[in-house]
């Protein structure tokens, strides 16, 4: 009993929590707790050193790691913080729904894309899916998810949001976003809604430059702020800012650096009291304007509480914030408020209590993923009644996609084979050269029915892929065109009499498409955006 008591007292003291048992942290210690850096399994030494120095959190970078490797990484980082007597770390990841860049990363199961969820329009299953997703994140030692994406995708040419959005309908996005938030909260994970006050109308990528959205305050309130208002009503723990200039709100500063947006609109007007978290300050929209450490201080001064500095210099950011607090540029009360909110969020998430492992649940998780993927599948048109595909005809499945999605493509092909079709599959990169085009046309020549998979991430579609797909459609053979990612690409092929939208090239969505092509079910998803 004495050993247990001593252990508890030592750990309470080590956490440096405010109160009678702990000394008041220094300005530097408070500043450090507001910072989140990026890290991966390739080199964690700098993140570990920052954790020992009082770092607030780590954002795990995507990579092909097993769940066990991810857990080992998170445990190492938390152990470094604990050994130095620091509070537990926020361990965050961009787990917003769907395969942002690679299908399977960090050993986590693959979520449907947000636009799939918008097409399926099933609040109950969406909430259940993200509850299970939250449990899986906890299994890997992850306690914060940068999601859901609540951006209303009103611009078809948006270069970075696209299928990351739940759609262009504000009310539906608000309801499904609420389901995701509720699911993650029930799973014990800190949900961070993004990107306030909205990235969906942008025509430029904030990773590269500073976009400008010329909407009035009335337009923003009626459309883009709707899901964020709902999230605030639900008490979403975190809200991520966007690096975009909104002249109607602040003509001189992007939202992340704007007191008018963060303190004025978000906190005072909308009444948000949770953590205000910046998008990564190492993005081009910010670094073209000022150094990362300067941006961290400016964003804190504007009203942000947690500052993502990416691969920026942790020590430089701490020093800059401390210098500005001592110099009066940042009020001591602003630093204290952010620090208190950071610790309160960790306490509310149970990070200050002993962690218990969760049991496996893959079967339930995958079942709901399959159901939602099938429910999202949308038959945009079938003017010649091609579906289900005739079984007495030879089928060529010709898929255009990056090589990392090749294994997912097999799921569709397998469904056709299992249904008894005489089918062959051909996989090509989205950049098609002259020699590959000949191979593609030979594959089409040997078939009587074509299934064509078009891969378009955002508005800029690969020109040679489009030429190849048009050449296939020009053969006049019965063809089913599948939009594997961004459904807006279907506007480029009005000549395709049969077109389906998948909203993301996941293994379950490809399997669902295969079942639908074989007549296993009639696609009933509804387009969550407007096509021409």
Protein backbone atom coordinates (compact mmCIF):
# COMPACT_ATOMS: atom_id res chain seq x y z
CA UNK A 1 0.00 0.00 0.00
CA UNK A 2 2.82 2.41 0.83
CA UNK A 3 4.49 1.75 -2.52
CA UNK A 4 1.28 2.44 -4.40
CA UNK A 5 0.70 5.71 -2.52
CA UNK A 6 4.23 6.90 -3.19
CA UNK A 7 3.91 6.05 -6.88
CA UNK A 8 0.73 8.09 -7.20
CA UNK A 9 2.18 11.12 -5.43
CA UNK A 10 5.33 11.06 -7.52
CA UNK A 11 3.36 10.92 -10.77
CA UNK A 12 1.03 13.73 -9.74
CA UNK A 13 4.02 15.90 -8.94
CA UNK A 14 5.71 14.91 -12.18
CA UNK A 15 2.79 16.10 -14.30
CA UNK A 16 3.43 19.69 -13.21
CA UNK A 17 -0.31 20.33 -13.00
CA UNK A 18 -1.53 23.64 -11.60
CA UNK A 19 -2.50 23.44 -7.95
CA UNK A 20 -1.10 23.32 -4.47
CA UNK A 21 1.13 20.29 -5.10
CA UNK A 22 2.87 21.65 -8.22
CA UNK A 23 5.00 24.71 -8.81
CA UNK A 24 3.73 27.28 -11.30
CA UNK A 25 5.19 26.41 -14.73
CA UNK A 26 7.50 28.91 -16.36
CA UNK A 27 6.52 30.90 -19.44
CA UNK A 28 8.66 28.55 -21.54
CA UNK A 29 6.95 25.47 -20.09
CA UNK A 30 3.52 26.90 -20.84
CA UNK A 31 4.55 27.85 -24.38
CA UNK A 32 5.94 24.36 -25.01
CA UNK A 33 2.60 22.78 -24.07
CA UNK A 34 0.91 24.72 -26.88
CA UNK A 35 3.09 23.26 -29.65
CA UNK A 36 2.56 20.17 -31.79
CA UNK A 37 5.34 18.96 -34.10
CA UNK A 38 5.29 16.40 -36.92
CA UNK A 39 7.12 13.08 -36.59
CA UNK A 40 7.36 9.64 -38.18
CA UNK A 41 9.00 6.31 -37.45
CA UNK A 42 12.00 7.07 -39.62
CA UNK A 43 13.46 9.56 -37.16
CA UNK A 44 11.82 10.26 -33.81
CA UNK A 45 14.86 11.57 -32.01
CA UNK A 46 13.96 15.26 -32.39
CA UNK A 47 10.34 14.63 -31.34
CA UNK A 48 11.54 12.62 -28.34
CA UNK A 49 13.86 15.45 -27.32
CA UNK A 50 11.00 17.94 -27.62
CA UNK A 51 8.78 15.64 -25.53
CA UNK A 52 11.39 15.67 -22.77
CA UNK A 53 11.43 19.47 -22.99
CA UNK A 54 7.68 19.73 -22.41
CA UNK A 55 6.24 19.56 -25.94
CA UNK A 56 2.44 19.56 -26.03
CA UNK A 57 1.91 16.99 -28.75
CA UNK A 58 3.02 15.13 -31.85
CA UNK A 59 1.29 14.77 -35.20
CA UNK A 60 2.15 11.40 -36.75
CA UNK A 61 3.01 11.58 -40.42
CA UNK A 62 1.53 9.02 -42.80
CA UNK A 63 3.66 6.06 -43.77
CA UNK A 64 3.49 2.34 -44.39
CA UNK A 65 3.79 1.16 -40.79
CA UNK A 66 2.09 -1.64 -38.95
CA UNK A 67 -0.26 -0.92 -36.07
CA UNK A 68 2.35 -2.40 -33.75
CA UNK A 69 5.02 -0.01 -35.07
CA UNK A 70 2.67 2.94 -34.63
CA UNK A 71 1.89 1.89 -31.06
CA UNK A 72 5.59 1.44 -30.33
CA UNK A 73 6.25 4.97 -31.59
CA UNK A 74 3.48 6.54 -29.51
CA UNK A 75 4.55 4.64 -26.41
CA UNK A 76 8.16 5.76 -26.81
CA UNK A 77 7.10 9.39 -27.12
CA UNK A 78 4.76 9.23 -24.13
CA UNK A 79 7.45 7.49 -22.07
CA UNK A 80 9.93 10.25 -22.89
CA UNK A 81 7.45 12.90 -21.70
CA UNK A 82 6.62 10.97 -18.52
CA UNK A 83 10.27 10.30 -17.66
CA UNK A 84 10.94 14.04 -17.80
CA UNK A 85 7.95 14.79 -15.56
CA UNK A 86 5.91 16.34 -18.34
CA UNK A 87 2.16 16.06 -19.05
CA UNK A 88 1.10 13.35 -21.51
CA UNK A 89 1.28 14.27 -25.19
CA UNK A 90 -1.51 14.90 -27.64
CA UNK A 91 -0.86 12.24 -30.30
CA UNK A 92 -2.66 13.43 -33.41
CA UNK A 93 -3.19 12.19 -36.96
CA UNK A 94 -5.02 13.39 -40.08
CA UNK A 95 -7.74 10.75 -39.79
CA UNK A 96 -10.48 12.63 -41.56
CA UNK A 97 -12.08 9.87 -43.61
CA UNK A 98 -10.68 8.20 -46.68
CA UNK A 99 -7.27 7.69 -48.12
CA UNK A 100 -5.79 11.17 -48.36
CA UNK A 101 -2.61 10.02 -50.09
CA UNK A 102 -2.09 6.31 -49.45
CA UNK A 103 -4.67 3.58 -48.83
CA UNK A 104 -3.29 2.00 -45.68
CA UNK A 105 -1.13 3.98 -43.30
CA UNK A 106 0.03 3.63 -39.72
CA UNK A 107 -1.51 0.14 -39.68
CA UNK A 108 -5.02 1.63 -39.40
CA UNK A 109 -8.04 0.25 -41.18
CA UNK A 110 -9.16 2.23 -44.22
CA UNK A 111 -12.06 4.61 -43.77
CA UNK A 112 -14.52 5.54 -46.53
CA UNK A 113 -13.90 9.02 -47.93
CA UNK A 114 -16.05 11.83 -46.62
CA UNK A 115 -17.79 12.20 -49.97
CA UNK A 116 -18.70 8.51 -49.82
CA UNK A 117 -20.31 9.21 -46.46
CA UNK A 118 -22.15 12.15 -47.96
CA UNK A 119 -23.48 9.97 -50.76
CA UNK A 120 -24.51 7.19 -48.35
CA UNK A 121 -26.25 9.76 -46.11
CA UNK A 122 -26.49 7.41 -43.12
CA UNK A 123 -25.98 9.21 -39.81
CA UNK A 124 -26.32 6.14 -37.59
CA UNK A 125 -23.78 3.98 -39.40
CA UNK A 126 -21.43 6.94 -39.80
CA UNK A 127 -21.46 7.57 -36.05
CA UNK A 128 -20.92 3.87 -35.35
CA UNK A 129 -18.06 3.68 -37.85
CA UNK A 130 -16.23 6.58 -36.22
CA UNK A 131 -16.82 5.17 -32.77
CA UNK A 132 -15.02 2.03 -33.93
CA UNK A 133 -12.41 4.18 -35.69
CA UNK A 134 -11.84 6.03 -32.44
CA UNK A 135 -11.28 2.77 -30.62
CA UNK A 136 -8.78 1.72 -33.26
CA UNK A 137 -6.90 5.00 -32.93
CA UNK A 138 -6.72 4.44 -29.18
CA UNK A 139 -5.30 0.96 -29.81
CA UNK A 140 -2.44 2.66 -31.64
CA UNK A 141 -1.89 5.21 -28.86
CA UNK A 142 -3.50 8.05 -30.85
CA UNK A 143 -5.80 10.37 -28.90
CA UNK A 144 -6.55 13.22 -31.32
CA UNK A 145 -8.04 13.10 -34.83
CA UNK A 146 -7.80 16.08 -37.17
CA UNK A 147 -11.32 15.59 -38.49
CA UNK A 148 -14.05 15.76 -39.51
CA UNK A 149 -13.59 18.01 -42.54
CA UNK A 150 -16.61 20.33 -42.44
CA UNK A 151 -15.72 22.32 -45.55
CA UNK A 152 -18.66 22.84 -47.92
CA UNK A 153 -17.23 22.03 -51.34
CA UNK A 154 -18.95 24.70 -53.42
CA UNK A 155 -16.09 25.02 -55.91
CA UNK A 156 -15.78 22.03 -58.29
CA UNK A 157 -12.24 23.19 -59.12
CA UNK A 158 -11.10 23.17 -55.50
CA UNK A 159 -7.57 21.72 -55.76
CA UNK A 160 -7.24 20.26 -52.25
CA UNK A 161 -10.67 19.51 -50.70
CA UNK A 162 -12.78 17.58 -53.24
CA UNK A 163 -13.69 14.15 -51.83
CA UNK A 164 -12.41 15.23 -48.43
CA UNK A 165 -15.70 17.14 -48.18
CA UNK A 166 -19.00 15.56 -47.19
CA UNK A 167 -20.61 17.52 -50.03
CA UNK A 168 -22.00 20.88 -51.03
CA UNK A 169 -25.17 20.77 -48.91
CA UNK A 170 -24.61 22.67 -45.63
CA UNK A 171 -27.43 20.99 -43.69
CA UNK A 172 -26.40 17.45 -44.68
CA UNK A 173 -22.72 18.21 -43.98
CA UNK A 174 -23.67 19.52 -40.53
CA UNK A 175 -25.62 16.36 -39.66
CA UNK A 176 -22.99 13.92 -40.92
CA UNK A 177 -20.21 15.99 -39.37
CA UNK A 178 -22.07 15.78 -36.08
CA UNK A 179 -22.28 11.99 -36.45
CA UNK A 180 -18.50 11.80 -36.95
CA UNK A 181 -17.83 14.04 -33.95
CA UNK A 182 -20.18 12.01 -31.74
CA UNK A 183 -18.61 8.76 -32.89
CA UNK A 184 -15.06 9.92 -32.19
CA UNK A 185 -16.05 11.35 -28.80
CA UNK A 186 -17.70 8.05 -27.84
CA UNK A 187 -14.52 6.25 -28.90
CA UNK A 188 -12.49 8.42 -26.54
CA UNK A 189 -10.71 10.49 -29.20
CA UNK A 190 -10.45 14.29 -29.38
CA UNK A 191 -12.22 15.36 -32.59
CA UNK A 192 -10.89 18.48 -34.34
CA UNK A 193 -13.31 19.97 -36.88
CA UNK A 194 -11.68 21.72 -39.82
CA UNK A 195 -10.97 24.06 -41.59
CA UNK A 196 -12.66 27.08 -39.95
CA UNK A 197 -14.25 29.18 -41.39
CA UNK A 198 -14.23 27.04 -44.54
CA UNK A 199 -11.91 25.89 -47.35
CA UNK A 200 -14.57 24.64 -49.76
CA UNK A 201 -14.85 27.75 -51.96
CA UNK A 202 -11.09 28.09 -52.50
CA UNK A 203 -9.53 27.79 -55.94
CA UNK A 204 -5.94 27.50 -54.68
CA UNK A 205 -4.09 25.11 -52.39
CA UNK A 206 -3.11 26.62 -49.03
CA UNK A 207 -0.22 24.15 -48.81
CA UNK A 208 1.42 26.14 -51.61
CA UNK A 209 0.06 29.67 -51.52
CA UNK A 210 -2.42 31.93 -49.70
CA UNK A 211 -5.89 31.53 -51.21
CA UNK A 212 -8.44 34.33 -51.03
CA UNK A 213 -12.19 33.76 -50.73
CA UNK A 214 -14.28 36.75 -51.75
CA UNK A 215 -17.55 35.92 -50.01
CA UNK A 216 -19.65 38.25 -47.92
CA UNK A 217 -20.23 37.60 -44.24
CA UNK A 218 -23.85 36.74 -45.10
CA UNK A 219 -22.74 34.13 -47.65
CA UNK A 220 -20.26 32.62 -45.23
CA UNK A 221 -22.85 32.44 -42.47
CA UNK A 222 -25.58 30.93 -44.65
CA UNK A 223 -23.38 28.23 -46.20
CA UNK A 224 -19.85 27.63 -44.98
CA UNK A 225 -20.32 28.28 -41.27
CA UNK A 226 -23.40 26.05 -40.92
CA UNK A 227 -21.58 22.78 -40.04
CA UNK A 228 -19.13 24.61 -37.76
CA UNK A 229 -22.03 26.13 -35.82
CA UNK A 230 -23.46 22.63 -35.38
CA UNK A 231 -20.09 21.34 -34.19
CA UNK A 232 -19.91 24.14 -31.63
CA UNK A 233 -23.40 23.21 -30.37
CA UNK A 234 -22.13 19.66 -29.85
CA UNK A 235 -19.11 20.88 -27.89
CA UNK A 236 -16.52 19.66 -30.38
CA UNK A 237 -13.21 19.58 -28.42
CA UNK A 238 -11.06 21.12 -31.17
CA UNK A 239 -11.49 23.51 -34.09
CA UNK A 240 -8.77 23.83 -36.73
CA UNK A 241 -8.19 27.14 -38.48
CA UNK A 242 -7.59 27.64 -42.19
CA UNK A 243 -4.79 29.56 -43.91
CA UNK A 244 -7.10 31.57 -46.17
CA UNK A 245 -7.71 35.29 -46.53
CA UNK A 246 -11.36 36.35 -46.11
CA UNK A 247 -11.43 40.11 -46.88
CA UNK A 248 -14.99 40.37 -45.57
CA UNK A 249 -13.70 39.27 -42.16
CA UNK A 250 -10.12 40.59 -42.16
CA UNK A 251 -8.56 42.24 -45.19
CA UNK A 252 -5.00 41.90 -43.94
CA UNK A 253 -4.59 38.52 -42.23
CA UNK A 254 -5.38 34.91 -43.11
CA UNK A 255 -7.84 33.32 -40.69
CA UNK A 256 -5.09 31.54 -38.72
CA UNK A 257 -3.43 34.87 -37.90
CA UNK A 258 -6.58 36.96 -37.58
CA UNK A 259 -7.89 38.24 -34.22
CA UNK A 260 -11.10 39.19 -36.02
CA UNK A 261 -11.68 35.59 -37.16
CA UNK A 262 -10.40 33.65 -34.12
CA UNK A 263 -11.23 35.86 -31.18
CA UNK A 264 -14.02 37.87 -32.77
CA UNK A 265 -16.00 35.48 -34.97
CA UNK A 266 -15.17 32.05 -33.53
CA UNK A 267 -14.94 32.75 -29.81
CA UNK A 268 -17.11 35.80 -29.19
CA UNK A 269 -19.74 35.73 -31.93
CA UNK A 270 -20.16 31.94 -32.22
CA UNK A 271 -19.37 31.26 -28.56
CA UNK A 272 -16.72 28.57 -29.08
CA UNK A 273 -14.85 27.70 -25.87
CA UNK A 274 -12.84 24.64 -26.95
CA UNK A 275 -9.31 24.33 -28.29
CA UNK A 276 -8.53 26.52 -31.30
CA UNK A 277 -5.88 24.63 -33.27
CA UNK A 278 -3.98 25.96 -36.26
CA UNK A 279 -3.51 24.08 -39.48
CA UNK A 280 0.17 23.34 -39.92
CA UNK A 281 2.17 26.55 -39.87
CA UNK A 282 4.79 25.10 -42.21
CA UNK A 283 2.39 25.38 -45.17
CA UNK A 284 3.16 27.79 -48.01
CA UNK A 285 0.26 30.11 -47.20
CA UNK A 286 2.07 30.99 -43.96
CA UNK A 287 5.77 30.51 -44.69
CA UNK A 288 5.57 32.86 -47.69
CA UNK A 289 4.44 35.49 -45.20
CA UNK A 290 6.69 34.88 -42.15
CA UNK A 291 8.90 32.25 -40.48
CA UNK A 292 7.16 29.41 -38.64
CA UNK A 293 8.22 30.50 -35.15
CA UNK A 294 6.95 34.03 -35.80
CA UNK A 295 3.68 32.63 -37.14
CA UNK A 296 3.23 30.52 -34.00
CA UNK A 297 3.48 33.61 -31.80
CA UNK A 298 1.21 35.64 -34.10
CA UNK A 299 -1.45 32.93 -34.12
CA UNK A 300 -1.38 32.60 -30.33
CA UNK A 301 -1.76 36.35 -30.06
CA UNK A 302 -4.73 36.22 -32.47
CA UNK A 303 -6.55 33.61 -30.38
CA UNK A 304 -5.22 30.15 -31.29
CA UNK A 305 -4.49 27.78 -28.39
CA UNK A 306 -2.61 24.88 -30.01
CA UNK A 307 0.00 25.65 -32.65
CA UNK A 308 0.97 23.05 -35.24
CA UNK A 309 4.49 23.83 -36.36
CA UNK A 310 5.08 20.73 -38.53
CA UNK A 311 8.79 20.32 -39.10
CA UNK A 312 9.44 23.77 -37.68
CA UNK A 313 11.98 24.47 -34.93
CA UNK A 314 10.38 23.68 -31.56
CA UNK A 315 12.98 25.57 -29.51
CA UNK A 316 12.72 28.65 -31.73
CA UNK A 317 8.92 28.70 -31.37
CA UNK A 318 9.11 28.41 -27.57
CA UNK A 319 11.73 31.18 -27.41
CA UNK A 320 9.71 33.48 -29.69
CA UNK A 321 6.50 33.07 -27.70
CA UNK A 322 8.31 33.57 -24.39
CA UNK A 323 10.06 36.70 -25.70
CA UNK A 324 6.79 38.20 -26.92
CA UNK A 325 5.04 37.45 -23.62
CA UNK A 326 7.83 39.10 -21.65
CA UNK A 327 7.90 41.99 -24.11
CA UNK A 328 4.17 42.54 -23.84
CA UNK A 329 3.27 41.70 -27.46
CA UNK A 330 1.40 38.64 -26.20
CA UNK A 331 -0.59 39.17 -23.02
CA UNK A 332 0.28 36.86 -20.13
CA UNK A 333 -3.46 36.18 -19.77
CA UNK A 334 -3.60 34.94 -23.40
CA UNK A 335 -0.77 32.45 -22.72
CA UNK A 336 -2.33 31.32 -19.45
CA UNK A 337 -5.74 30.82 -21.07
CA UNK A 338 -4.31 28.67 -23.88
CA UNK A 339 -2.22 26.63 -21.44
CA UNK A 340 -5.18 26.00 -19.14
CA UNK A 341 -7.34 24.92 -22.08
CA UNK A 342 -4.64 22.52 -23.31
CA UNK A 343 -4.38 20.81 -19.92
CA UNK A 344 -8.17 20.77 -19.52
CA UNK A 345 -8.52 19.03 -22.89
CA UNK A 346 -5.98 16.40 -21.87
CA UNK A 347 -7.78 15.85 -18.60
CA UNK A 348 -11.19 15.60 -20.32
CA UNK A 349 -9.78 13.06 -22.77
CA UNK A 350 -8.53 10.89 -19.91
CA UNK A 351 -4.87 11.35 -20.76
CA UNK A 352 -4.02 12.05 -17.14
CA UNK A 353 -5.54 8.74 -16.02
CA UNK A 354 -4.09 5.23 -16.52
CA UNK A 355 -4.78 3.96 -20.04
CA UNK A 356 -6.47 0.61 -20.66
CA UNK A 357 -6.07 -1.41 -23.86
CA UNK A 358 -9.05 -2.11 -26.12
CA UNK A 359 -10.00 -5.47 -27.59
CA UNK A 360 -10.05 -6.21 -31.31
CA UNK A 361 -13.10 -5.12 -33.25
CA UNK A 362 -11.99 -5.39 -36.89
CA UNK A 363 -14.98 -7.51 -37.90
CA UNK A 364 -17.57 -4.92 -36.83
CA UNK A 365 -15.50 -2.07 -38.26
CA UNK A 366 -15.14 -3.71 -41.67
CA UNK A 367 -18.82 -4.69 -41.79
CA UNK A 368 -19.94 -1.08 -41.38
CA UNK A 369 -17.31 0.16 -43.83
CA UNK A 370 -18.58 -2.29 -46.45
CA UNK A 371 -22.20 -1.28 -45.81
CA UNK A 372 -21.48 2.45 -46.10
CA UNK A 373 -19.33 2.00 -49.20
CA UNK A 374 -22.13 0.11 -50.92
CA UNK A 375 -24.73 2.62 -49.79
CA UNK A 376 -22.62 5.49 -51.17
CA UNK A 377 -22.19 3.99 -54.65
CA UNK A 378 -24.14 6.24 -57.01
CA UNK A 379 -25.51 5.32 -60.42
CA UNK A 380 -25.26 8.72 -62.11
CA UNK A 381 -26.69 7.46 -65.40
CA UNK A 382 -27.39 4.22 -67.28
CA UNK A 383 -29.24 5.33 -70.39
CA UNK A 384 -28.67 2.06 -72.24
CA UNK A 385 -29.57 -0.20 -69.27
CA UNK A 386 -26.13 -1.79 -69.23
CA UNK A 387 -26.37 -2.93 -65.59
CA UNK A 388 -26.07 -5.62 -64.57
CA UNK A 389 -23.31 -6.47 -67.03
CA UNK A 390 -24.21 -9.33 -69.39
CA UNK A 391 -22.59 -12.58 -68.27
CA UNK A 392 -22.26 -13.95 -71.80
CA UNK A 393 -19.87 -11.20 -72.83
CA UNK A 394 -16.13 -10.92 -72.24
CA UNK A 395 -15.37 -8.02 -69.88
CA UNK A 396 -12.21 -5.92 -69.74
CA UNK A 397 -11.70 -3.94 -66.51
CA UNK A 398 -9.34 -1.06 -67.34
CA UNK A 399 -8.36 1.00 -64.31
CA UNK A 400 -6.33 4.21 -64.27
CA UNK A 401 -4.85 5.06 -60.87
CA UNK A 402 -1.55 5.56 -59.02
CA UNK A 403 0.29 2.32 -58.38
CA UNK A 404 -0.31 2.50 -54.63
CA UNK A 405 -4.01 1.79 -55.27
CA UNK A 406 -3.37 -1.34 -57.35
CA UNK A 407 -4.24 -3.75 -54.55
CA UNK A 408 -7.56 -1.99 -53.97
CA UNK A 409 -8.45 -2.32 -57.66
CA UNK A 410 -8.30 -6.10 -57.38
CA UNK A 411 -11.37 -6.04 -55.12
CA UNK A 412 -13.66 -5.14 -58.05
CA UNK A 413 -12.10 -7.73 -60.32
CA UNK A 414 -12.48 -10.44 -57.67
CA UNK A 415 -16.20 -9.71 -57.30
CA UNK A 416 -16.73 -10.15 -61.04
CA UNK A 417 -14.81 -13.42 -61.07
CA UNK A 418 -16.76 -14.71 -58.07
CA UNK A 419 -19.99 -13.86 -59.90
CA UNK A 420 -18.95 -16.01 -62.85
CA UNK A 421 -17.83 -13.37 -65.36
CA UNK A 422 -15.20 -13.95 -68.04
CA UNK A 423 -13.22 -10.88 -67.05
CA UNK A 424 -9.68 -9.58 -67.37
CA UNK A 425 -8.18 -6.65 -65.46
CA UNK A 426 -5.68 -4.09 -66.69
CA UNK A 427 -4.10 -1.48 -64.43
CA UNK A 428 -2.47 1.68 -65.78
CA UNK A 429 -0.98 4.79 -64.19
CA UNK A 430 -2.88 8.04 -64.75
CA UNK A 431 -0.07 9.30 -66.97
CA UNK A 432 -0.42 7.31 -70.21
CA UNK A 433 2.32 7.31 -72.87
CA UNK A 434 1.96 6.22 -76.49
CA UNK A 435 3.13 2.64 -75.88
CA UNK A 436 0.70 2.19 -72.99
CA UNK A 437 -2.15 3.61 -75.06
CA UNK A 438 -1.56 0.85 -77.60
CA UNK A 439 -1.75 -1.75 -74.82
CA UNK A 440 -4.97 -0.18 -73.56
CA UNK A 441 -6.60 -0.29 -76.97
CA UNK A 442 -5.47 -3.92 -77.49
CA UNK A 443 -7.13 -4.82 -74.18
CA UNK A 444 -10.31 -3.16 -75.38
CA UNK A 445 -10.15 -4.93 -78.74
CA UNK A 446 -10.21 -8.31 -77.02
CA UNK A 447 -13.33 -7.53 -74.97
CA UNK A 448 -17.05 -7.07 -75.65
CA UNK A 449 -17.83 -4.94 -72.59
CA UNK A 450 -15.60 -2.34 -70.92
CA UNK A 451 -15.40 -1.25 -67.29
CA UNK A 452 -13.30 1.92 -67.12
CA UNK A 453 -11.96 3.37 -63.86
CA UNK A 454 -11.18 7.11 -63.97
CA UNK A 455 -8.98 8.53 -61.20
CA UNK A 456 -9.18 12.28 -60.59
CA UNK A 457 -8.01 13.63 -57.25
CA UNK A 458 -9.06 17.27 -57.67
CA UNK A 459 -9.92 19.61 -60.56
CA UNK A 460 -6.77 19.06 -62.63
CA UNK A 461 -7.16 15.74 -64.42
CA UNK A 462 -4.24 14.14 -66.21
CA UNK A 463 -4.60 14.99 -69.91
CA UNK A 464 -3.31 11.67 -71.23
CA UNK A 465 -5.66 9.70 -68.97
CA UNK A 466 -8.59 11.67 -70.35
CA UNK A 467 -7.45 11.03 -73.91
CA UNK A 468 -7.19 7.30 -73.23
CA UNK A 469 -10.66 7.12 -71.65
CA UNK A 470 -12.20 9.03 -74.54
CA UNK A 471 -10.51 6.66 -76.98
CA UNK A 472 -12.04 3.71 -75.10
CA UNK A 473 -15.50 5.27 -75.12
CA UNK A 474 -15.11 6.05 -78.84
CA UNK A 475 -14.86 2.31 -79.64
CA UNK A 476 -18.65 2.19 -79.27
CA UNK A 477 -18.49 -0.90 -77.08
CA UNK A 478 -20.83 -1.04 -74.06
CA UNK A 479 -18.92 0.66 -71.27
CA UNK A 480 -19.42 1.44 -67.59
CA UNK A 481 -17.37 4.46 -66.54
CA UNK A 482 -16.43 4.51 -62.84
CA UNK A 483 -15.42 7.77 -61.20
CA UNK A 484 -13.03 6.34 -58.61
CA UNK A 485 -12.31 9.53 -56.69
CA UNK A 486 -13.63 13.01 -57.44
CA UNK A 487 -17.10 12.76 -59.08
CA UNK A 488 -16.63 16.05 -60.90
CA UNK A 489 -14.53 14.20 -63.47
CA UNK A 490 -17.75 12.71 -64.92
CA UNK A 491 -18.51 16.15 -66.37
CA UNK A 492 -15.61 15.48 -68.75
CA UNK A 493 -17.28 12.41 -70.30
CA UNK A 494 -20.84 13.29 -71.32
CA UNK A 495 -20.61 10.61 -74.03
CA UNK A 496 -20.47 7.81 -71.41
CA UNK A 497 -24.01 6.32 -71.28
CA UNK A 498 -23.31 4.44 -68.01
CA UNK A 499 -21.51 6.20 -65.18
CA UNK A 500 -21.06 5.43 -61.49
CA UNK A 501 -19.44 7.45 -58.70
CA UNK A 502 -17.44 5.72 -55.92
CA UNK A 503 -15.99 8.85 -54.18
CA UNK A 504 -12.84 7.04 -53.16
CA UNK A 505 -10.79 4.08 -54.34
CA UNK A 506 -10.90 2.02 -51.16
CA UNK A 507 -11.00 -1.77 -51.18
CA UNK A 508 -14.62 -1.86 -49.87
CA UNK A 509 -15.81 0.72 -52.41
CA UNK A 510 -14.21 -1.20 -55.29
CA UNK A 511 -15.78 -4.43 -54.04
CA UNK A 512 -19.17 -2.70 -53.84
CA UNK A 513 -18.79 -1.49 -57.42
CA UNK A 514 -18.00 -5.04 -58.52
CA UNK A 515 -21.09 -6.40 -56.80
CA UNK A 516 -23.28 -3.71 -58.38
CA UNK A 517 -21.87 -4.35 -61.86
CA UNK A 518 -22.68 -8.04 -61.37
CA UNK A 519 -26.24 -7.28 -60.31
CA UNK A 520 -25.74 -7.96 -56.62
CA UNK A 521 -27.60 -4.77 -55.70
CA UNK A 522 -28.89 -1.57 -57.30
CA UNK A 523 -26.74 1.46 -56.40
CA UNK A 524 -28.86 3.93 -54.43
CA UNK A 525 -26.34 6.59 -53.36
CA UNK A 526 -27.19 10.22 -54.04
CA UNK A 527 -24.76 12.73 -55.47
CA UNK A 528 -23.71 15.00 -52.59
CA UNK A 529 -22.50 17.64 -55.07
CA UNK A 530 -23.93 19.08 -58.29
CA UNK A 531 -22.59 17.92 -61.65
CA UNK A 532 -23.05 19.78 -64.91
